[in-house]
Protein backbone atom coordinates (compact mmCIF):
# COMPACT_ATOMS: atom_id res chain seq x y z
CA MET A 1 -0.35 0.41 -0.08
CA GLN A 2 2.75 2.15 1.49
CA GLU A 3 4.49 2.00 -2.51
CA ASN A 4 1.13 2.28 -4.10
CA LYS A 5 0.85 5.80 -2.28
CA PHE A 6 4.28 6.90 -3.33
CA ALA A 7 3.78 5.49 -7.15
CA GLN A 8 0.21 7.97 -6.95
CA PHE A 9 2.51 11.44 -5.25
CA GLU A 10 5.14 10.82 -7.88
CA PHE A 11 2.39 10.46 -10.91
CA ILE A 12 0.96 13.60 -9.45
CA GLY A 13 4.53 14.85 -9.51
CA LEU A 14 5.55 14.10 -12.71
CA MET A 15 2.03 15.43 -14.55
CA ALA A 16 2.56 18.76 -12.48
CA SER A 17 5.89 18.83 -13.64
CA LEU A 18 4.95 18.28 -17.57
CA MET A 19 2.28 20.94 -17.56
CA SER A 20 4.88 23.60 -15.11
CA ILE A 21 7.01 24.17 -17.91
CA VAL A 22 4.22 25.63 -19.77
CA ALA A 23 3.71 28.42 -16.15
CA LEU A 24 7.55 28.20 -16.44
CA ALA A 25 7.77 29.84 -20.42
CA ILE A 26 4.95 32.35 -19.67
CA ASP A 27 5.27 33.35 -16.26
CA ALA A 28 9.08 33.74 -15.88
CA LEU A 29 9.18 36.55 -19.18
CA LEU A 30 6.76 38.38 -17.64
CA PRO A 31 9.36 40.78 -15.86
CA ALA A 32 11.58 41.10 -19.14
CA LEU A 33 8.25 41.80 -21.39
CA ASP A 34 9.97 46.02 -21.84
CA THR A 35 13.45 44.70 -22.43
CA ILE A 36 12.65 42.53 -24.73
CA GLY A 37 10.58 44.67 -26.73
CA ILE A 38 13.40 47.13 -26.64
CA SER A 39 15.67 44.53 -28.42
CA ILE A 40 13.52 43.00 -30.88
CA GLY A 41 12.71 46.76 -31.87
CA THR A 42 8.37 46.45 -30.99
CA THR A 43 6.96 50.09 -30.73
CA GLN A 44 3.70 49.52 -28.48
CA VAL A 45 3.16 48.40 -25.05
CA ALA A 46 0.44 46.04 -26.64
CA ASP A 47 2.65 44.28 -29.16
CA ASN A 48 4.64 42.93 -25.94
CA GLN A 49 1.56 41.12 -24.66
CA LEU A 50 1.58 38.94 -28.21
CA LEU A 51 4.30 37.08 -26.42
CA ILE A 52 2.26 35.95 -23.79
CA THR A 53 -1.15 35.14 -25.75
CA MET A 54 0.67 33.50 -28.75
CA ILE A 55 2.19 31.13 -26.74
CA PHE A 56 -1.35 30.15 -26.38
CA LEU A 57 -2.93 30.02 -29.78
CA GLY A 58 0.64 27.34 -30.45
CA LEU A 59 -1.11 25.31 -27.13
CA GLY A 60 -3.84 25.10 -29.23
CA ILE A 61 -2.83 24.17 -32.17
CA GLY A 62 -0.62 21.38 -31.30
CA PRO A 63 -2.99 19.01 -29.60
CA LEU A 64 -4.70 18.48 -33.08
CA LEU A 65 -1.61 16.47 -34.03
CA PHE A 66 -0.78 15.14 -30.83
CA GLY A 67 -4.13 13.76 -29.41
CA PRO A 68 -4.34 11.60 -32.33
CA LEU A 69 -1.09 10.63 -32.59
CA SER A 70 -1.30 9.56 -28.92
CA ASP A 71 -3.92 7.06 -29.44
CA HIS A 72 -2.16 5.68 -31.74
CA ILE A 73 1.76 5.61 -30.53
CA GLY A 74 1.31 5.89 -26.81
CA ARG A 75 1.51 9.14 -24.62
CA LYS A 76 5.11 8.86 -23.68
CA PRO A 77 6.68 9.00 -27.34
CA VAL A 78 4.01 11.90 -28.30
CA VAL A 79 5.70 14.06 -25.17
CA TYR A 80 9.41 13.77 -26.28
CA ILE A 81 8.66 14.79 -29.90
CA GLY A 82 6.59 18.25 -27.98
CA PHE A 83 10.05 18.60 -25.90
CA LEU A 84 12.39 18.39 -28.61
CA ILE A 85 10.50 20.80 -30.55
CA PHE A 86 9.95 23.52 -27.72
CA ILE A 87 13.51 22.99 -27.12
CA LEU A 88 14.22 24.17 -31.05
CA ALA A 89 11.79 26.82 -30.44
CA SER A 90 12.99 28.39 -27.59
CA LEU A 91 16.29 28.05 -29.70
CA ILE A 92 14.69 30.85 -32.12
CA CYS A 93 13.70 32.94 -29.34
CA VAL A 94 17.21 33.20 -28.16
CA PHE A 95 18.59 34.16 -31.40
CA ALA A 96 15.13 36.65 -32.60
CA GLU A 97 15.91 39.82 -33.89
CA SER A 98 12.74 40.86 -34.54
CA VAL A 99 9.03 40.81 -33.22
CA VAL A 100 7.96 38.40 -36.31
CA MET A 101 10.46 35.97 -35.27
CA MET A 102 10.08 36.13 -31.53
CA VAL A 103 6.54 35.42 -31.79
CA ALA A 104 6.84 32.93 -34.41
CA GLY A 105 8.78 31.19 -31.62
CA ARG A 106 6.46 31.53 -28.75
CA ILE A 107 3.52 29.95 -31.06
CA LEU A 108 6.32 27.04 -31.64
CA GLN A 109 6.91 26.67 -28.35
CA GLY A 110 2.99 26.72 -27.39
CA ILE A 111 3.16 23.73 -30.09
CA GLY A 112 5.68 22.02 -28.54
CA LEU A 113 4.96 22.21 -25.03
CA SER A 114 1.03 21.42 -25.75
CA ALA A 115 2.52 17.97 -26.20
CA PRO A 116 3.70 17.26 -22.50
CA ARG A 117 0.28 19.23 -21.37
CA THR A 118 -2.04 17.28 -23.31
CA MET A 119 -0.38 14.06 -22.51
CA ALA A 120 -0.28 14.85 -18.72
CA ILE A 121 -4.37 15.62 -18.65
CA ALA A 122 -4.79 12.18 -21.53
CA MET A 123 -2.67 10.34 -18.67
CA ILE A 124 -5.03 11.53 -16.14
CA ARG A 125 -7.49 10.48 -17.77
CA ASP A 126 -6.54 6.67 -18.33
CA LYS A 127 -5.60 6.14 -15.08
CA TYR A 128 -9.01 7.83 -13.44
CA SER A 129 -12.57 9.02 -14.31
CA GLY A 130 -14.75 11.24 -12.58
CA ASP A 131 -15.04 12.85 -9.35
CA TYR A 132 -11.25 11.13 -8.54
CA MET A 133 -9.69 12.44 -11.96
CA ALA A 134 -11.59 15.83 -10.71
CA ARG A 135 -9.26 15.29 -7.41
CA ILE A 136 -6.24 14.01 -8.66
CA MET A 137 -6.23 16.40 -11.43
CA SER A 138 -6.48 19.25 -8.37
CA PHE A 139 -3.65 17.83 -6.69
CA VAL A 140 -1.80 17.80 -9.81
CA THR A 141 -2.89 21.63 -10.44
CA VAL A 142 -1.65 23.08 -6.80
CA VAL A 143 1.69 21.41 -7.75
CA PHE A 144 2.16 23.08 -11.02
CA ILE A 145 0.91 26.19 -9.38
CA LEU A 146 3.81 26.94 -7.41
CA VAL A 147 5.76 27.41 -10.72
CA PRO A 148 3.51 31.05 -11.50
CA ILE A 149 4.45 31.84 -8.07
CA ILE A 150 7.95 31.40 -7.80
CA ALA A 151 8.39 31.99 -11.99
CA PRO A 152 8.25 35.73 -12.13
CA ALA A 153 10.99 36.11 -9.53
CA LEU A 154 13.07 33.71 -10.97
CA GLY A 155 12.37 35.47 -14.39
CA LYS A 156 14.04 39.21 -12.59
CA ALA A 157 16.81 37.39 -11.05
CA VAL A 158 18.02 36.24 -13.93
CA LEU A 159 17.29 39.00 -16.16
CA ASP A 160 18.92 41.00 -13.12
CA HIS A 161 22.28 39.26 -13.58
CA PHE A 162 22.46 37.99 -17.10
CA HIS A 163 20.90 39.08 -20.46
CA TRP A 164 17.24 38.49 -21.14
CA LYS A 165 17.84 35.66 -22.95
CA ALA A 166 19.55 33.23 -20.05
CA ILE A 167 15.41 32.62 -18.76
CA PHE A 168 15.35 31.36 -22.33
CA TYR A 169 18.35 28.61 -21.78
CA VAL A 170 16.86 28.36 -17.64
CA GLN A 171 13.66 26.77 -19.07
CA LEU A 172 15.60 24.66 -21.73
CA MET A 173 17.75 22.79 -18.83
CA ILE A 174 14.64 22.47 -16.65
CA SER A 175 12.96 20.63 -19.07
CA ILE A 176 15.49 18.40 -20.22
CA ILE A 177 15.30 17.71 -16.37
CA VAL A 178 11.94 16.86 -16.17
CA SER A 179 12.01 14.88 -19.74
CA PHE A 180 14.46 12.04 -18.64
CA TRP A 181 12.80 11.94 -14.90
CA PHE A 182 9.51 10.91 -16.86
CA TRP A 183 11.62 8.60 -19.66
CA LYS A 184 12.90 6.56 -16.49
CA ARG A 185 9.93 6.75 -13.96
CA GLN A 186 6.50 6.90 -15.32
CA PRO A 187 4.91 3.52 -17.72
CA GLU A 188 2.84 4.43 -20.78
CA THR A 189 -0.93 4.49 -19.76
CA LEU A 190 -2.46 3.79 -23.18
CA SER A 191 -2.31 -0.08 -23.62
CA LYS A 192 -2.12 -1.38 -27.44
CA SER A 193 -5.44 -3.25 -27.30
CA LYS A 194 -7.14 0.53 -26.68
CA ARG A 195 -4.74 2.24 -29.39
CA ILE A 196 -6.56 3.47 -32.04
CA ALA A 197 -5.39 3.48 -36.15
CA LEU A 198 -4.05 7.09 -37.32
CA ASN A 199 -6.73 7.76 -40.65
CA THR A 200 -7.65 11.42 -41.94
CA THR A 201 -11.23 10.78 -40.16
CA ILE A 202 -9.74 10.38 -36.60
CA PHE A 203 -10.29 13.86 -36.33
CA SER A 204 -14.24 14.62 -37.44
CA ASN A 205 -15.02 11.19 -36.27
CA GLY A 206 -13.66 13.02 -32.69
CA LEU A 207 -15.70 15.98 -32.94
CA LYS A 208 -18.60 14.09 -34.15
CA GLU A 209 -17.66 12.01 -31.14
CA MET A 210 -17.35 15.25 -29.34
CA SER A 211 -20.94 16.80 -30.35
CA ARG A 212 -23.29 14.28 -29.22
CA HIS A 213 -22.13 15.18 -25.47
CA LYS A 214 -23.69 18.43 -24.60
CA THR A 215 -21.95 18.13 -21.24
CA THR A 216 -18.34 18.44 -23.21
CA VAL A 217 -19.59 20.74 -25.62
CA GLY A 218 -21.07 23.03 -22.58
CA TYR A 219 -18.42 23.24 -20.51
CA THR A 220 -15.47 23.11 -23.51
CA LEU A 221 -16.97 26.63 -24.11
CA ILE A 222 -17.26 27.91 -20.66
CA SER A 223 -13.64 26.95 -20.06
CA GLY A 224 -12.86 29.35 -23.30
CA PHE A 225 -14.54 32.58 -21.65
CA ILE A 226 -12.95 31.59 -18.33
CA VAL A 227 -9.23 31.13 -19.61
CA GLY A 228 -9.75 34.11 -21.83
CA SER A 229 -10.74 36.58 -19.54
CA PHE A 230 -7.58 34.98 -17.38
CA MET A 231 -5.78 35.40 -19.71
CA VAL A 232 -6.30 39.09 -20.68
CA TYR A 233 -4.63 39.23 -16.81
CA LEU A 234 -1.76 37.41 -17.72
CA SER A 235 -0.37 39.06 -20.23
CA THR A 236 -1.38 42.65 -19.55
CA SER A 237 -0.24 42.32 -15.36
CA GLN A 238 3.18 43.28 -15.93
CA GLN A 239 1.71 46.61 -17.84
CA ILE A 240 -0.42 47.35 -14.99
CA PHE A 241 1.43 47.21 -12.00
CA GLU A 242 5.09 47.95 -13.37
CA GLN A 243 3.57 51.24 -15.34
CA GLN A 244 0.03 51.79 -14.12
CA TYR A 245 1.09 51.22 -10.38
CA GLN A 246 4.77 51.75 -11.15
CA LEU A 247 5.45 48.82 -8.43
CA LYS A 248 8.80 47.33 -11.10
CA GLU A 249 10.45 45.57 -8.41
CA GLU A 250 7.57 44.60 -6.65
CA PHE A 251 5.46 42.88 -9.31
CA PRO A 252 7.15 39.45 -9.28
CA TYR A 253 6.28 39.09 -5.43
CA ILE A 254 2.44 40.89 -6.25
CA PHE A 255 2.29 38.13 -9.45
CA GLY A 256 3.14 35.38 -6.93
CA LEU A 257 1.01 36.35 -4.12
CA LEU A 258 -1.92 36.44 -6.66
CA ALA A 259 -1.47 33.21 -8.10
CA PHE A 260 -1.09 31.74 -4.20
CA ALA A 261 -4.99 32.86 -4.52
CA ILE A 262 -5.33 30.78 -7.20
CA GLY A 263 -3.51 27.44 -5.40
CA SER A 264 -5.47 27.67 -2.17
CA ALA A 265 -8.54 27.71 -4.16
CA ILE A 266 -7.03 24.35 -6.58
CA PHE A 267 -5.95 23.16 -3.04
CA LEU A 268 -9.70 22.46 -1.12
CA ASN A 269 -11.23 21.46 -3.79
CA GLY A 270 -9.08 18.53 -4.48
CA THR A 271 -11.20 17.90 -0.98
CA LEU A 272 -14.22 19.69 -1.35
CA VAL A 273 -14.96 18.31 -5.00
CA LEU A 274 -15.63 14.67 -3.42
CA LYS A 275 -18.01 16.47 -0.43
CA LEU A 276 -19.85 19.00 -3.39
CA GLY A 277 -19.31 17.71 -6.69
CA MET A 278 -17.87 18.96 -9.72
CA GLU A 279 -21.31 20.91 -11.12
CA LYS A 280 -21.99 22.55 -6.92
CA LEU A 281 -18.47 23.80 -7.18
CA ILE A 282 -18.35 25.42 -10.52
CA THR A 283 -21.19 26.93 -10.13
CA THR A 284 -21.11 28.56 -7.23
CA SER A 285 -17.68 29.92 -8.43
CA LEU A 286 -19.06 31.32 -11.86
CA PHE A 287 -21.20 33.47 -9.43
CA ALA A 288 -19.04 34.48 -7.53
CA TYR A 289 -17.09 35.24 -10.66
CA PHE A 290 -19.62 37.49 -11.98
CA THR A 291 -20.81 39.09 -8.76
CA ILE A 292 -16.81 40.68 -7.94
CA SER A 293 -16.31 41.58 -11.23
CA LEU A 294 -19.88 43.64 -11.16
CA LEU A 295 -19.17 45.25 -7.89
CA TYR A 296 -15.91 46.49 -8.72
CA ILE A 297 -17.51 48.16 -12.03
CA ILE A 298 -20.32 49.76 -9.60
CA LEU A 299 -17.77 50.92 -7.61
CA PHE A 300 -14.75 51.93 -9.91
CA HIS A 301 -16.65 52.98 -13.32
CA ASN A 302 -15.28 55.99 -13.79
CA GLY A 303 -12.43 54.66 -14.71
CA GLN A 304 -9.83 55.67 -12.29
CA ASN A 305 -7.86 53.20 -10.76
CA PRO A 306 -8.29 52.36 -6.50
CA ASN A 307 -5.88 51.85 -4.09
CA ILE A 308 -3.29 48.80 -5.03
CA VAL A 309 -4.62 46.93 -1.71
CA ILE A 310 -8.15 47.02 -2.95
CA LEU A 311 -6.91 45.76 -6.35
CA LEU A 312 -5.07 43.05 -5.13
CA LEU A 313 -8.06 42.13 -2.75
CA PHE A 314 -9.85 42.06 -6.23
CA PHE A 315 -7.89 40.26 -7.94
CA ALA A 316 -7.37 37.74 -5.08
CA MET A 317 -11.11 37.23 -4.91
CA GLN A 318 -11.53 36.70 -8.96
CA PHE A 319 -8.81 34.20 -8.95
CA PHE A 320 -9.79 32.12 -5.88
CA ALA A 321 -13.07 32.04 -7.41
CA ILE A 322 -11.36 31.03 -10.83
CA GLY A 323 -9.51 28.40 -8.98
CA PHE A 324 -11.97 26.13 -8.32
CA MET A 325 -13.40 25.75 -11.91
CA PHE A 326 -9.94 25.56 -14.32
CA GLY A 327 -9.42 21.14 -12.63
CA ASN A 328 -13.38 20.53 -13.12
CA LEU A 329 -13.82 22.64 -16.03
CA ARG A 330 -11.44 20.44 -18.22
CA ALA A 331 -12.88 17.34 -16.19
CA MET A 332 -16.32 17.85 -16.78
CA ALA A 333 -15.64 18.30 -20.56
CA MET A 334 -13.67 14.99 -20.14
CA GLU A 335 -15.48 12.78 -18.58
CA PRO A 336 -18.12 11.67 -21.35
CA ILE A 337 -15.75 10.89 -23.73
CA GLY A 338 -12.94 8.91 -21.35
CA HIS A 339 -13.23 6.45 -24.20
CA ILE A 340 -11.51 8.79 -26.35
CA ALA A 341 -9.17 10.73 -24.25
CA GLY A 342 -6.40 11.59 -26.51
CA ILE A 343 -8.11 13.53 -29.11
CA GLY A 344 -10.71 14.43 -26.73
CA ALA A 345 -8.35 16.67 -24.76
CA ALA A 346 -6.62 17.43 -28.44
CA ILE A 347 -10.05 18.89 -29.46
CA THR A 348 -11.50 20.50 -26.43
CA GLY A 349 -7.98 22.20 -25.97
CA PHE A 350 -8.40 23.67 -28.97
CA ILE A 351 -11.46 24.75 -29.21
CA SER A 352 -11.01 26.68 -25.39
CA THR A 353 -8.03 28.20 -27.13
CA LEU A 354 -9.80 29.27 -29.97
CA MET A 355 -11.65 31.05 -27.96
CA ALA A 356 -9.50 32.58 -25.91
CA VAL A 357 -6.55 33.90 -27.38
CA PRO A 358 -8.86 36.72 -29.78
CA ILE A 359 -10.82 37.38 -26.53
CA SER A 360 -7.76 38.02 -24.26
CA THR A 361 -5.79 39.59 -27.57
CA PHE A 362 -8.97 42.22 -28.15
CA ILE A 363 -9.95 42.72 -24.02
CA GLY A 364 -5.95 43.35 -23.63
CA ARG A 365 -5.93 46.48 -25.98
CA PHE A 366 -8.24 48.47 -23.95
CA VAL A 367 -6.15 47.88 -20.84
CA VAL A 368 -3.61 50.90 -21.47
CA ASP A 369 -4.32 53.45 -18.35
CA THR A 370 -6.98 52.11 -16.32
CA THR A 371 -8.02 48.06 -15.16
CA LEU A 372 -11.27 48.85 -15.49
CA PRO A 373 -11.13 47.16 -19.40
CA LEU A 374 -10.24 44.18 -17.96
CA PHE A 375 -13.20 43.60 -14.92
CA VAL A 376 -15.65 44.10 -17.91
CA GLY A 377 -14.00 41.61 -19.69
CA PHE A 378 -14.10 39.25 -16.57
CA LEU A 379 -18.10 40.21 -16.12
CA ILE A 380 -19.03 39.64 -19.88
CA CYS A 381 -17.14 36.03 -19.80
CA ALA A 382 -18.85 34.90 -16.59
CA THR A 383 -22.36 36.30 -17.96
CA LEU A 384 -21.94 34.31 -21.28
CA SER A 385 -20.80 31.54 -18.72
CA LEU A 386 -23.50 31.82 -16.80
CA LEU A 387 -26.20 31.45 -19.68
CA ILE A 388 -24.16 28.09 -21.50
CA LEU A 389 -24.40 26.93 -17.42
CA GLY A 390 -28.15 27.49 -17.51
CA TYR A 391 -28.33 25.88 -21.02
CA LEU A 392 -26.85 22.97 -19.80
CA ARG A 393 -28.79 22.32 -16.55
CA LEU A 394 -32.41 22.19 -19.19
CA PRO A 395 -34.02 18.86 -19.03
CA ILE A 396 -33.44 16.78 -22.38
CA LYS A 397 -36.59 16.70 -24.44
CA LYS A 398 -37.65 13.41 -25.42
């Protein structure tokens, strides 16, 4: 029993590590956005946001290839392919001399990292289901959330002592260590008897199968709105705290503190999901997300930024609500399609990302001198999500 418990702890650690490279590639770069922008010749602050949002585009595209491929050849080989692409893409970013080349490298980084990220979800679904899957996802995510807490501080420390390019080299070293650990310790989770032949119809068949499940479609769309609204914060946080509030030195620690708010919710979710269930937690969190956004808009509708303590309080409440949604939304979407976990994770991830990138890019353009547009975006996304949730609760007509 003790050995089994250790194996489960190691599995959680491994899956979290596979997903954590994504957070590291995003968050460690935040303190260096202005410096990188100067090096590659960006002329607008909004162009620097592309270095964050465009990696998500790659994260959405990649699973369309890696999902079906993993259902055919297994999960482990696909992880290795993804890490190789990430290494090559990181070198493109290191030697980039223009915003176009840097964005191309970031998209390719996202494509590469989509493999370990998607395979982590697929491997969890291979081994677990239902509320227990959500519990494992919560524990994986709470380990994973430690990276956003320390990544900006790590990025700033590297930036203070070395060139911004060293941040990419640190990411490379960590990805090599994780891939070696994965190779040595993680068994293949997809047995040969469950593998699916690779053919031209696998995507269309997967899409048809997914569309048959109202729950999968609905929670995937909600995930797109929630992730999209959160990505606005990710891409504008450096701009908000360093430029609007003049807190350049404090930014990495503020970012880490707010990441802790998400992590604490995810940790609690691991316990509460077995008692209350995923649906109840998602519903409660969505209503909280909506209410907090509306309250901020009512109080600060004139566009003037509040005191930093008040802003951090609102952000912390918002992200605490989000923490109960990330893992549960994905688990609810995946629950009916466990028999096609690879392509299912790919399609649901692609759709939610395809929604999230334009949402975050559009709203982010309005976050210039005030944080009000950010909360307006939160409110709109929460409203649309609640409408979808209401539709999902309607009785099925026979």
